[in-house]
Amino acid sequence: MSATRVKCPRPEHAGSRVKLDGTYGKSSHRRQRYKCSPRRGGTALYPRRYALKNRERLNRLLMLLQLHVNGDDDAEVYAKAIRTQLESNGGRPLGCRRALADPANSPSLR
């Protein structure tokens, strides 16, 4: 069976794209796993849904969305600002890479 012909049974996923996502179950009774995702342009937040569990990441995401809504989001300006910041620090970011990660088993938001 082709994944393109399968519809997600959940009404809130109407019009979404369904694709094959491996198998599950015991080897004697394998089943196909499917993954449902919205079509392009469906929602800006869906690909970044992991960020909604961390307060600092969520705040940064909302600030970026506000720039987009106001028409002030420009990838070239953003890239230039990042490049300038990195060049002033010898090519290294100021903070540690995982500075926005929540401590293990302690999400800041649920």
PDB file of N, CA and C in Angstrom:
ATOM      1  N   MET A   1       0.849  -1.184   0.000  1.00  0.00           N
ATOM      2  CA  MET A   1       0.000   0.000   0.000  1.00  0.00           C
ATOM      3  C   MET A   1       0.892   1.242   0.000  1.00  0.00           C
ATOM      4  N   SER A   2       0.556   2.201  -0.792  1.00  0.00           N
ATOM      5  CA  SER A   2       1.332   3.429  -0.900  1.00  0.00           C
ATOM      6  C   SER A   2       0.923   4.409   0.199  1.00  0.00           C
ATOM      7  N   ALA A   3       1.915   5.079   0.775  1.00  0.00           N
ATOM      8  CA  ALA A   3       1.624   6.050   1.835  1.00  0.00           C
ATOM      9  C   ALA A   3       0.894   7.267   1.284  1.00  0.00           C
ATOM     10  N   THR A   4       1.052   7.567   0.001  1.00  0.00           N
ATOM     11  CA  THR A   4       0.386   8.743  -0.566  1.00  0.00           C
ATOM     12  C   THR A   4      -1.121   8.539  -0.659  1.00  0.00           C
ATOM     13  N   ARG A   5      -1.578   7.296  -0.643  1.00  0.00           N
ATOM     14  CA  ARG A   5      -3.014   7.016  -0.737  1.00  0.00           C
ATOM     15  C   ARG A   5      -3.678   6.912   0.625  1.00  0.00           C
ATOM     16  N   VAL A   6      -2.887   6.893   1.667  1.00  0.00           N
ATOM     17  CA  VAL A   6      -3.427   6.738   3.024  1.00  0.00           C
ATOM     18  C   VAL A   6      -3.815   8.105   3.571  1.00  0.00           C
ATOM     19  N   LYS A   7      -4.978   8.184   4.196  1.00  0.00           N
ATOM     20  CA  LYS A   7      -5.421   9.406   4.857  1.00  0.00           C
ATOM     21  C   LYS A   7      -5.309   9.211   6.357  1.00  0.00           C
ATOM     22  N   CYS A   8      -4.918  10.266   7.035  1.00  0.00           N
ATOM     23  CA  CYS A   8      -4.853  10.206   8.494  1.00  0.00           C
ATOM     24  C   CYS A   8      -6.273  10.161   9.041  1.00  0.00           C
ATOM     25  N   PRO A   9      -6.565   9.258   9.985  1.00  0.00           N
ATOM     26  CA  PRO A   9      -7.920   9.142  10.524  1.00  0.00           C
ATOM     27  C   PRO A   9      -8.313  10.292  11.463  1.00  0.00           C
ATOM     28  N   ARG A  10      -7.340  11.097  11.886  1.00  0.00           N
ATOM     29  CA  ARG A  10      -7.651  12.182  12.814  1.00  0.00           C
ATOM     30  C   ARG A  10      -8.192  13.386  12.056  1.00  0.00           C
ATOM     31  N   PRO A  11      -9.384  13.889  12.412  1.00  0.00           N
ATOM     32  CA  PRO A  11      -9.993  15.007  11.684  1.00  0.00           C
ATOM     33  C   PRO A  11      -9.139  16.277  11.684  1.00  0.00           C
ATOM     34  N   GLU A  12      -8.388  16.523  12.759  1.00  0.00           N
ATOM     35  CA  GLU A  12      -7.567  17.739  12.827  1.00  0.00           C
ATOM     36  C   GLU A  12      -6.377  17.688  11.867  1.00  0.00           C
ATOM     37  N   HIS A  13      -6.103  16.501  11.289  1.00  0.00           N
ATOM     38  CA  HIS A  13      -5.007  16.346  10.337  1.00  0.00           C
ATOM     39  C   HIS A  13      -5.496  16.314   8.899  1.00  0.00           C
ATOM     40  N   ALA A  14      -6.698  16.766   8.643  1.00  0.00           N
ATOM     41  CA  ALA A  14      -7.261  16.734   7.285  1.00  0.00           C
ATOM     42  C   ALA A  14      -6.336  17.464   6.317  1.00  0.00           C
ATOM     43  N   GLY A  15      -6.066  16.845   5.178  1.00  0.00           N
ATOM     44  CA  GLY A  15      -5.208  17.440   4.158  1.00  0.00           C
ATOM     45  C   GLY A  15      -3.726  17.289   4.424  1.00  0.00           C
ATOM     46  N   SER A  16      -3.362  16.556   5.465  1.00  0.00           N
ATOM     47  CA  SER A  16      -1.948  16.393   5.783  1.00  0.00           C
ATOM     48  C   SER A  16      -1.302  15.357   4.874  1.00  0.00           C
ATOM     49  N   ARG A  17       0.018  15.329   4.892  1.00  0.00           N
ATOM     50  CA  ARG A  17       0.799  14.395   4.095  1.00  0.00           C
ATOM     51  C   ARG A  17       1.135  13.190   4.974  1.00  0.00           C
ATOM     52  N   VAL A  18       0.906  11.987   4.467  1.00  0.00           N
ATOM     53  CA  VAL A  18       1.201  10.770   5.204  1.00  0.00           C
ATOM     54  C   VAL A  18       2.339  10.052   4.483  1.00  0.00           C
ATOM     55  N   LYS A  19       3.372   9.658   5.251  1.00  0.00           N
ATOM     56  CA  LYS A  19       4.483   8.944   4.634  1.00  0.00           C
ATOM     57  C   LYS A  19       4.882   7.745   5.483  1.00  0.00           C
ATOM     58  N   LEU A  20       5.583   6.802   4.871  1.00  0.00           N
ATOM     59  CA  LEU A  20       6.035   5.608   5.570  1.00  0.00           C
ATOM     60  C   LEU A  20       7.081   5.996   6.602  1.00  0.00           C
ATOM     61  N   ASP A  21       7.027   5.367   7.777  1.00  0.00           N
ATOM     62  CA  ASP A  21       7.950   5.711   8.861  1.00  0.00           C
ATOM     63  C   ASP A  21       8.448   4.456   9.561  1.00  0.00           C
ATOM     64  N   GLY A  22       8.878   3.465   8.790  1.00  0.00           N
ATOM     65  CA  GLY A  22       9.419   2.241   9.370  1.00  0.00           C
ATOM     66  C   GLY A  22       8.336   1.250   9.758  1.00  0.00           C
ATOM     67  N   THR A  23       8.726   0.291  10.581  1.00  0.00           N
ATOM     68  CA  THR A  23       7.806  -0.744  11.035  1.00  0.00           C
ATOM     69  C   THR A  23       7.900  -0.893  12.542  1.00  0.00           C
ATOM     70  N   TYR A  24       6.939  -1.615  13.090  1.00  0.00           N
ATOM     71  CA  TYR A  24       6.956  -1.885  14.522  1.00  0.00           C
ATOM     72  C   TYR A  24       6.322  -3.247  14.769  1.00  0.00           C
ATOM     73  N   GLY A  25       6.477  -3.746  15.968  1.00  0.00           N
ATOM     74  CA  GLY A  25       5.915  -5.047  16.329  1.00  0.00           C
ATOM     75  C   GLY A  25       6.950  -6.161  16.239  1.00  0.00           C
ATOM     76  N   LYS A  26       6.558  -7.337  16.722  1.00  0.00           N
ATOM     77  CA  LYS A  26       7.435  -8.504  16.697  1.00  0.00           C
ATOM     78  C   LYS A  26       7.664  -8.947  15.258  1.00  0.00           C
ATOM     79  N   SER A  27       8.786  -9.603  15.027  1.00  0.00           N
ATOM     80  CA  SER A  27       9.134 -10.009  13.666  1.00  0.00           C
ATOM     81  C   SER A  27       8.074 -10.918  13.047  1.00  0.00           C
ATOM     82  N   SER A  28       7.357 -11.668  13.862  1.00  0.00           N
ATOM     83  CA  SER A  28       6.319 -12.547  13.333  1.00  0.00           C
ATOM     84  C   SER A  28       5.035 -11.777  12.971  1.00  0.00           C
ATOM     85  N   HIS A  29       4.946 -10.535  13.442  1.00  0.00           N
ATOM     86  CA  HIS A  29       3.727  -9.750  13.185  1.00  0.00           C
ATOM     87  C   HIS A  29       4.097  -8.271  12.965  1.00  0.00           C
ATOM     88  N   ARG A  30       4.935  -8.004  11.965  1.00  0.00           N
ATOM     89  CA  ARG A  30       5.370  -6.636  11.661  1.00  0.00           C
ATOM     90  C   ARG A  30       4.222  -5.808  11.112  1.00  0.00           C
ATOM     91  N   ARG A  31       4.193  -4.541  11.495  1.00  0.00           N
ATOM     92  CA  ARG A  31       3.187  -3.608  10.998  1.00  0.00           C
ATOM     93  C   ARG A  31       3.888  -2.365  10.468  1.00  0.00           C
ATOM     94  N   GLN A  32       3.274  -1.765   9.475  1.00  0.00           N
ATOM     95  CA  GLN A  32       3.820  -0.540   8.888  1.00  0.00           C
ATOM     96  C   GLN A  32       3.484   0.650   9.777  1.00  0.00           C
ATOM     97  N   ARG A  33       4.480   1.506  10.021  1.00  0.00           N
ATOM     98  CA  ARG A  33       4.255   2.739  10.774  1.00  0.00           C
ATOM     99  C   ARG A  33       4.149   3.877   9.760  1.00  0.00           C
ATOM    100  N   TYR A  34       3.210   4.787  10.001  1.00  0.00           N
ATOM    101  CA  TYR A  34       3.019   5.950   9.146  1.00  0.00           C
ATOM    102  C   TYR A  34       3.261   7.210   9.952  1.00  0.00           C
ATOM    103  N   LYS A  35       3.690   8.259   9.280  1.00  0.00           N
ATOM    104  CA  LYS A  35       3.890   9.547   9.935  1.00  0.00           C
ATOM    105  C   LYS A  35       3.072  10.596   9.197  1.00  0.00           C
ATOM    106  N   CYS A  36       2.330  11.359   9.949  1.00  0.00           N
ATOM    107  CA  CYS A  36       1.436  12.377   9.394  1.00  0.00           C
ATOM    108  C   CYS A  36       2.052  13.751   9.653  1.00  0.00           C
ATOM    109  N   SER A  37       2.155  14.582   8.618  1.00  0.00           N
ATOM    110  CA  SER A  37       2.658  15.944   8.788  1.00  0.00           C
ATOM    111  C   SER A  37       1.865  16.882   7.890  1.00  0.00           C
ATOM    112  N   PRO A  38       1.690  18.135   8.324  1.00  0.00           N
ATOM    113  CA  PRO A  38       0.889  19.064   7.529  1.00  0.00           C
ATOM    114  C   PRO A  38       1.571  19.400   6.209  1.00  0.00           C
ATOM    115  N   ARG A  39       0.776  19.756   5.243  1.00  0.00           N
ATOM    116  CA  ARG A  39       1.321  20.182   3.945  1.00  0.00           C
ATOM    117  C   ARG A  39       2.084  21.482   4.134  1.00  0.00           C
ATOM    118  N   ARG A  40       2.987  21.769   3.213  1.00  0.00           N
ATOM    119  CA  ARG A  40       3.754  23.019   3.270  1.00  0.00           C
ATOM    120  C   ARG A  40       2.806  24.202   3.351  1.00  0.00           C
ATOM    121  N   GLY A  41       3.176  25.168   4.176  1.00  0.00           N
ATOM    122  CA  GLY A  41       2.339  26.343   4.336  1.00  0.00           C
ATOM    123  C   GLY A  41       1.215  26.140   5.333  1.00  0.00           C
ATOM    124  N   GLY A  42       1.105  24.923   5.887  1.00  0.00           N
ATOM    125  CA  GLY A  42       0.031  24.643   6.823  1.00  0.00           C
ATOM    126  C   GLY A  42       0.156  25.435   8.104  1.00  0.00           C
ATOM    127  N   THR A  43       1.318  25.398   8.698  1.00  0.00           N
ATOM    128  CA  THR A  43       1.538  26.133   9.936  1.00  0.00           C
ATOM    129  C   THR A  43       3.020  26.433  10.106  1.00  0.00           C
ATOM    130  N   ALA A  44       3.324  27.590  10.616  1.00  0.00           N
ATOM    131  CA  ALA A  44       4.717  27.976  10.811  1.00  0.00           C
ATOM    132  C   ALA A  44       5.319  27.297  12.035  1.00  0.00           C
ATOM    133  N   LEU A  45       4.496  26.919  12.999  1.00  0.00           N
ATOM    134  CA  LEU A  45       5.008  26.365  14.251  1.00  0.00           C
ATOM    135  C   LEU A  45       5.246  24.862  14.211  1.00  0.00           C
ATOM    136  N   TYR A  46       4.588  24.137  13.320  1.00  0.00           N
ATOM    137  CA  TYR A  46       4.674  22.674  13.359  1.00  0.00           C
ATOM    138  C   TYR A  46       6.104  22.146  13.324  1.00  0.00           C
ATOM    139  N   PRO A  47       6.968  22.606  12.410  1.00  0.00           N
ATOM    140  CA  PRO A  47       8.322  22.057  12.398  1.00  0.00           C
ATOM    141  C   PRO A  47       9.138  22.421  13.636  1.00  0.00           C
ATOM    142  N   ARG A  48       8.691  23.408  14.386  1.00  0.00           N
ATOM    143  CA  ARG A  48       9.437  23.848  15.569  1.00  0.00           C
ATOM    144  C   ARG A  48       8.703  23.526  16.867  1.00  0.00           C
ATOM    145  N   ARG A  49       7.850  22.513  16.816  1.00  0.00           N
ATOM    146  CA  ARG A  49       7.016  22.197  17.976  1.00  0.00           C
ATOM    147  C   ARG A  49       7.840  21.786  19.193  1.00  0.00           C
ATOM    148  N   TYR A  50       9.061  21.268  19.000  1.00  0.00           N
ATOM    149  CA  TYR A  50       9.922  20.893  20.122  1.00  0.00           C
ATOM    150  C   TYR A  50      10.272  22.107  20.974  1.00  0.00           C
ATOM    151  N   ALA A  51      10.320  23.302  20.356  1.00  0.00           N
ATOM    152  CA  ALA A  51      10.707  24.518  21.072  1.00  0.00           C
ATOM    153  C   ALA A  51       9.632  24.978  22.048  1.00  0.00           C
ATOM    154  N   LEU A  52       8.436  24.449  21.935  1.00  0.00           N
ATOM    155  CA  LEU A  52       7.349  24.909  22.785  1.00  0.00           C
ATOM    156  C   LEU A  52       7.406  24.325  24.195  1.00  0.00           C
ATOM    157  N   LYS A  53       8.386  23.508  24.485  1.00  0.00           N
ATOM    158  CA  LYS A  53       8.517  22.910  25.817  1.00  0.00           C
ATOM    159  C   LYS A  53       9.587  23.604  26.649  1.00  0.00           C
ATOM    160  N   ASN A  54      10.276  24.564  26.063  1.00  0.00           N
ATOM    161  CA  ASN A  54      11.358  25.259  26.736  1.00  0.00           C
ATOM    162  C   ASN A  54      11.045  26.754  26.706  1.00  0.00           C
ATOM    163  N   ARG A  55      10.952  27.371  27.864  1.00  0.00           N
ATOM    164  CA  ARG A  55      10.513  28.762  27.964  1.00  0.00           C
ATOM    165  C   ARG A  55      11.415  29.716  27.174  1.00  0.00           C
ATOM    166  N   GLU A  56      12.722  29.594  27.306  1.00  0.00           N
ATOM    167  CA  GLU A  56      13.630  30.513  26.615  1.00  0.00           C
ATOM    168  C   GLU A  56      13.566  30.330  25.110  1.00  0.00           C
ATOM    169  N   ARG A  57      13.516  29.072  24.642  1.00  0.00           N
ATOM    170  CA  ARG A  57      13.394  28.830  23.204  1.00  0.00           C
ATOM    171  C   ARG A  57      12.063  29.354  22.665  1.00  0.00           C
ATOM    172  N   LEU A  58      10.994  29.166  23.439  1.00  0.00           N
ATOM    173  CA  LEU A  58       9.684  29.653  23.025  1.00  0.00           C
ATOM    174  C   LEU A  58       9.688  31.173  22.900  1.00  0.00           C
ATOM    175  N   ASN A  59      10.289  31.864  23.869  1.00  0.00           N
ATOM    176  CA  ASN A  59      10.362  33.326  23.801  1.00  0.00           C
ATOM    177  C   ASN A  59      11.128  33.780  22.566  1.00  0.00           C
ATOM    178  N   ARG A  60      12.231  33.105  22.254  1.00  0.00           N
ATOM    179  CA  ARG A  60      13.011  33.467  21.065  1.00  0.00           C
ATOM    180  C   ARG A  60      12.229  33.180  19.786  1.00  0.00           C
ATOM    181  N   LEU A  61      11.525  32.058  19.768  1.00  0.00           N
ATOM    182  CA  LEU A  61      10.714  31.718  18.604  1.00  0.00           C
ATOM    183  C   LEU A  61       9.610  32.753  18.396  1.00  0.00           C
ATOM    184  N   LEU A  62       8.963  33.171  19.472  1.00  0.00           N
ATOM    185  CA  LEU A  62       7.901  34.175  19.366  1.00  0.00           C
ATOM    186  C   LEU A  62       8.447  35.522  18.897  1.00  0.00           C
ATOM    187  N   MET A  63       9.660  35.866  19.326  1.00  0.00           N
ATOM    188  CA  MET A  63      10.270  37.112  18.847  1.00  0.00           C
ATOM    189  C   MET A  63      10.546  37.027  17.339  1.00  0.00           C
ATOM    190  N   LEU A  64      11.013  35.864  16.871  1.00  0.00           N
ATOM    191  CA  LEU A  64      11.248  35.685  15.434  1.00  0.00           C
ATOM    192  C   LEU A  64       9.940  35.741  14.651  1.00  0.00           C
ATOM    193  N   LEU A  65       8.888  35.132  15.185  1.00  0.00           N
ATOM    194  CA  LEU A  65       7.589  35.193  14.521  1.00  0.00           C
ATOM    195  C   LEU A  65       7.054  36.627  14.474  1.00  0.00           C
ATOM    196  N   GLN A  66       7.303  37.392  15.536  1.00  0.00           N
ATOM    197  CA  GLN A  66       6.872  38.792  15.542  1.00  0.00           C
ATOM    198  C   GLN A  66       7.597  39.584  14.462  1.00  0.00           C
ATOM    199  N   LEU A  67       8.888  39.329  14.281  1.00  0.00           N
ATOM    200  CA  LEU A  67       9.631  39.974  13.198  1.00  0.00           C
ATOM    201  C   LEU A  67       9.008  39.624  11.846  1.00  0.00           C
ATOM    202  N   HIS A  68       8.636  38.364  11.681  1.00  0.00           N
ATOM    203  CA  HIS A  68       8.030  37.920  10.429  1.00  0.00           C
ATOM    204  C   HIS A  68       6.689  38.610  10.192  1.00  0.00           C
ATOM    205  N   VAL A  69       5.864  38.675  11.229  1.00  0.00           N
ATOM    206  CA  VAL A  69       4.547  39.304  11.100  1.00  0.00           C
ATOM    207  C   VAL A  69       4.703  40.789  10.745  1.00  0.00           C
ATOM    208  N   ASN A  70       5.695  41.452  11.316  1.00  0.00           N
ATOM    209  CA  ASN A  70       5.918  42.874  11.053  1.00  0.00           C
ATOM    210  C   ASN A  70       6.644  43.123   9.725  1.00  0.00           C
ATOM    211  N   GLY A  71       7.073  42.048   9.063  1.00  0.00           N
ATOM    212  CA  GLY A  71       7.790  42.205   7.802  1.00  0.00           C
ATOM    213  C   GLY A  71       9.239  42.620   7.978  1.00  0.00           C
ATOM    214  N   ASP A  72       9.782  42.435   9.180  1.00  0.00           N
ATOM    215  CA  ASP A  72      11.160  42.833   9.468  1.00  0.00           C
ATOM    216  C   ASP A  72      12.132  41.667   9.443  1.00  0.00           C
ATOM    217  N   ASP A  73      11.693  40.502   9.014  1.00  0.00           N
ATOM    218  CA  ASP A  73      12.588  39.341   8.980  1.00  0.00           C
ATOM    219  C   ASP A  73      13.326  39.333   7.639  1.00  0.00           C
ATOM    220  N   ASP A  74      14.628  39.440   7.705  1.00  0.00           N
ATOM    221  CA  ASP A  74      15.470  39.466   6.517  1.00  0.00           C
ATOM    222  C   ASP A  74      16.645  38.529   6.768  1.00  0.00           C
ATOM    223  N   ALA A  75      16.706  37.433   6.036  1.00  0.00           N
ATOM    224  CA  ALA A  75      17.737  36.417   6.249  1.00  0.00           C
ATOM    225  C   ALA A  75      19.141  36.990   6.052  1.00  0.00           C
ATOM    226  N   GLU A  76      19.316  37.883   5.093  1.00  0.00           N
ATOM    227  CA  GLU A  76      20.645  38.448   4.837  1.00  0.00           C
ATOM    228  C   GLU A  76      21.111  39.331   5.992  1.00  0.00           C
ATOM    229  N   VAL A  77      20.214  40.137   6.532  1.00  0.00           N
ATOM    230  CA  VAL A  77      20.563  40.992   7.672  1.00  0.00           C
ATOM    231  C   VAL A  77      20.892  40.124   8.883  1.00  0.00           C
ATOM    232  N   TYR A  78      20.105  39.080   9.105  1.00  0.00           N
ATOM    233  CA  TYR A  78      20.326  38.175  10.235  1.00  0.00           C
ATOM    234  C   TYR A  78      21.668  37.456  10.086  1.00  0.00           C
ATOM    235  N   ALA A  79      21.968  36.965   8.871  1.00  0.00           N
ATOM    236  CA  ALA A  79      23.242  36.278   8.625  1.00  0.00           C
ATOM    237  C   ALA A  79      24.419  37.216   8.840  1.00  0.00           C
ATOM    238  N   LYS A  80      24.278  38.472   8.416  1.00  0.00           N
ATOM    239  CA  LYS A  80      25.361  39.448   8.605  1.00  0.00           C
ATOM    240  C   LYS A  80      25.601  39.715  10.092  1.00  0.00           C
ATOM    241  N   ALA A  81      24.514  39.826  10.871  1.00  0.00           N
ATOM    242  CA  ALA A  81      24.645  40.055  12.314  1.00  0.00           C
ATOM    243  C   ALA A  81      25.327  38.868  12.987  1.00  0.00           C
ATOM    244  N   ILE A  82      24.969  37.655  12.590  1.00  0.00           N
ATOM    245  CA  ILE A  82      25.599  36.450  13.159  1.00  0.00           C
ATOM    246  C   ILE A  82      27.080  36.411  12.783  1.00  0.00           C
ATOM    247  N   ARG A  83      27.381  36.699  11.508  1.00  0.00           N
ATOM    248  CA  ARG A  83      28.765  36.680  11.037  1.00  0.00           C
ATOM    249  C   ARG A  83      29.612  37.701  11.802  1.00  0.00           C
ATOM    250  N   THR A  84      29.074  38.905  11.984  1.00  0.00           N
ATOM    251  CA  THR A  84      29.796  39.954  12.717  1.00  0.00           C
ATOM    252  C   THR A  84      30.075  39.517  14.151  1.00  0.00           C
ATOM    253  N   GLN A  85      29.080  38.924  14.791  1.00  0.00           N
ATOM    254  CA  GLN A  85      29.235  38.456  16.174  1.00  0.00           C
ATOM    255  C   GLN A  85      30.298  37.366  16.261  1.00  0.00           C
ATOM    256  N   LEU A  86      30.257  36.405  15.340  1.00  0.00           N
ATOM    257  CA  LEU A  86      31.235  35.319  15.350  1.00  0.00           C
ATOM    258  C   LEU A  86      32.643  35.824  15.061  1.00  0.00           C
ATOM    259  N   GLU A  87      32.785  36.752  14.113  1.00  0.00           N
ATOM    260  CA  GLU A  87      34.107  37.293  13.784  1.00  0.00           C
ATOM    261  C   GLU A  87      34.717  38.035  14.965  1.00  0.00           C
ATOM    262  N   SER A  88      33.895  38.695  15.763  1.00  0.00           N
ATOM    263  CA  SER A  88      34.407  39.437  16.919  1.00  0.00           C
ATOM    264  C   SER A  88      34.857  38.505  18.046  1.00  0.00           C
ATOM    265  N   ASN A  89      34.454  37.227  17.982  1.00  0.00           N
ATOM    266  CA  ASN A  89      34.832  36.250  19.014  1.00  0.00           C
ATOM    267  C   ASN A  89      35.692  35.123  18.456  1.00  0.00           C
ATOM    268  N   GLY A  90      36.403  35.390  17.385  1.00  0.00           N
ATOM    269  CA  GLY A  90      37.282  34.368  16.819  1.00  0.00           C
ATOM    270  C   GLY A  90      36.522  33.180  16.243  1.00  0.00           C
ATOM    271  N   GLY A  91      35.326  33.405  15.754  1.00  0.00           N
ATOM    272  CA  GLY A  91      34.549  32.335  15.135  1.00  0.00           C
ATOM    273  C   GLY A  91      33.772  31.474  16.112  1.00  0.00           C
ATOM    274  N   ARG A  92      33.753  31.843  17.380  1.00  0.00           N
ATOM    275  CA  ARG A  92      33.042  31.064  18.409  1.00  0.00           C
ATOM    276  C   ARG A  92      31.856  31.851  18.957  1.00  0.00           C
ATOM    277  N   PRO A  93      30.740  31.174  19.283  1.00  0.00           N
ATOM    278  CA  PRO A  93      29.616  31.873  19.914  1.00  0.00           C
ATOM    279  C   PRO A  93      29.961  32.279  21.343  1.00  0.00           C
ATOM    280  N   LEU A  94      29.249  33.259  21.869  1.00  0.00           N
ATOM    281  CA  LEU A  94      29.513  33.732  23.230  1.00  0.00           C
ATOM    282  C   LEU A  94      29.173  32.688  24.287  1.00  0.00           C
ATOM    283  N   GLY A  95      27.983  32.135  24.234  1.00  0.00           N
ATOM    284  CA  GLY A  95      27.543  31.175  25.249  1.00  0.00           C
ATOM    285  C   GLY A  95      27.841  29.748  24.837  1.00  0.00           C
ATOM    286  N   CYS A  96      27.589  28.827  25.749  1.00  0.00           N
ATOM    287  CA  CYS A  96      27.779  27.423  25.396  1.00  0.00           C
ATOM    288  C   CYS A  96      26.629  26.978  24.491  1.00  0.00           C
ATOM    289  N   ARG A  97      26.871  25.951  23.724  1.00  0.00           N
ATOM    290  CA  ARG A  97      25.915  25.518  22.707  1.00  0.00           C
ATOM    291  C   ARG A  97      24.576  25.104  23.303  1.00  0.00           C
ATOM    292  N   ARG A  98      24.568  24.470  24.444  1.00  0.00           N
ATOM    293  CA  ARG A  98      23.339  23.961  25.051  1.00  0.00           C
ATOM    294  C   ARG A  98      22.800  24.904  26.117  1.00  0.00           C
ATOM    295  N   ALA A  99      23.077  26.194  26.013  1.00  0.00           N
ATOM    296  CA  ALA A  99      22.665  27.158  27.034  1.00  0.00           C
ATOM    297  C   ALA A  99      21.151  27.242  27.183  1.00  0.00           C
ATOM    298  N   LEU A 100      20.411  26.877  26.146  1.00  0.00           N
ATOM    299  CA  LEU A 100      18.958  26.980  26.208  1.00  0.00           C
ATOM    300  C   LEU A 100      18.283  25.674  26.583  1.00  0.00           C
ATOM    301  N   ALA A 101      19.056  24.640  26.849  1.00  0.00           N
ATOM    302  CA  ALA A 101      18.474  23.331  27.170  1.00  0.00           C
ATOM    303  C   ALA A 101      17.972  23.315  28.623  1.00  0.00           C
ATOM    304  N   ASP A 102      16.828  22.697  28.826  1.00  0.00           N
ATOM    305  CA  ASP A 102      16.320  22.506  30.177  1.00  0.00           C
ATOM    306  C   ASP A 102      17.109  21.403  30.857  1.00  0.00           C
ATOM    307  N   PRO A 103      17.253  21.448  32.188  1.00  0.00           N
ATOM    308  CA  PRO A 103      17.885  20.328  32.891  1.00  0.00           C
ATOM    309  C   PRO A 103      17.106  19.034  32.648  1.00  0.00           C
ATOM    310  N   ALA A 104      17.784  17.927  32.721  1.00  0.00           N
ATOM    311  CA  ALA A 104      17.147  16.619  32.483  1.00  0.00           C
ATOM    312  C   ALA A 104      15.918  16.440  33.371  1.00  0.00           C
ATOM    313  N   ASN A 105      14.846  15.918  32.792  1.00  0.00           N
ATOM    314  CA  ASN A 105      13.590  15.623  33.494  1.00  0.00           C
ATOM    315  C   ASN A 105      12.967  16.836  34.173  1.00  0.00           C
ATOM    316  N   SER A 106      13.250  18.046  33.665  1.00  0.00           N
ATOM    317  CA  SER A 106      12.697  19.242  34.284  1.00  0.00           C
ATOM    318  C   SER A 106      12.328  20.279  33.219  1.00  0.00           C
ATOM    319  N   PRO A 107      11.302  19.993  32.384  1.00  0.00           N
ATOM    320  CA  PRO A 107      10.935  20.970  31.364  1.00  0.00           C
ATOM    321  C   PRO A 107      10.382  22.253  31.999  1.00  0.00           C
ATOM    322  N   SER A 108      10.723  23.402  31.399  1.00  0.00           N
ATOM    323  CA  SER A 108      10.246  24.664  31.945  1.00  0.00           C
ATOM    324  C   SER A 108       8.787  24.917  31.582  1.00  0.00           C
ATOM    325  N   LEU A 109       8.306  24.270  30.533  1.00  0.00           N
ATOM    326  CA  LEU A 109       6.910  24.368  30.124  1.00  0.00           C
ATOM    327  C   LEU A 109       6.392  22.967  29.815  1.00  0.00           C
ATOM    328  N   ARG A 110       5.114  22.770  29.904  1.00  0.00           N
ATOM    329  CA  ARG A 110       4.536  21.461  29.518  1.00  0.00           C
ATOM    330  C   ARG A 110       3.481  21.656  28.500  1.00  0.00           C
TER     331      ARG A 110
END
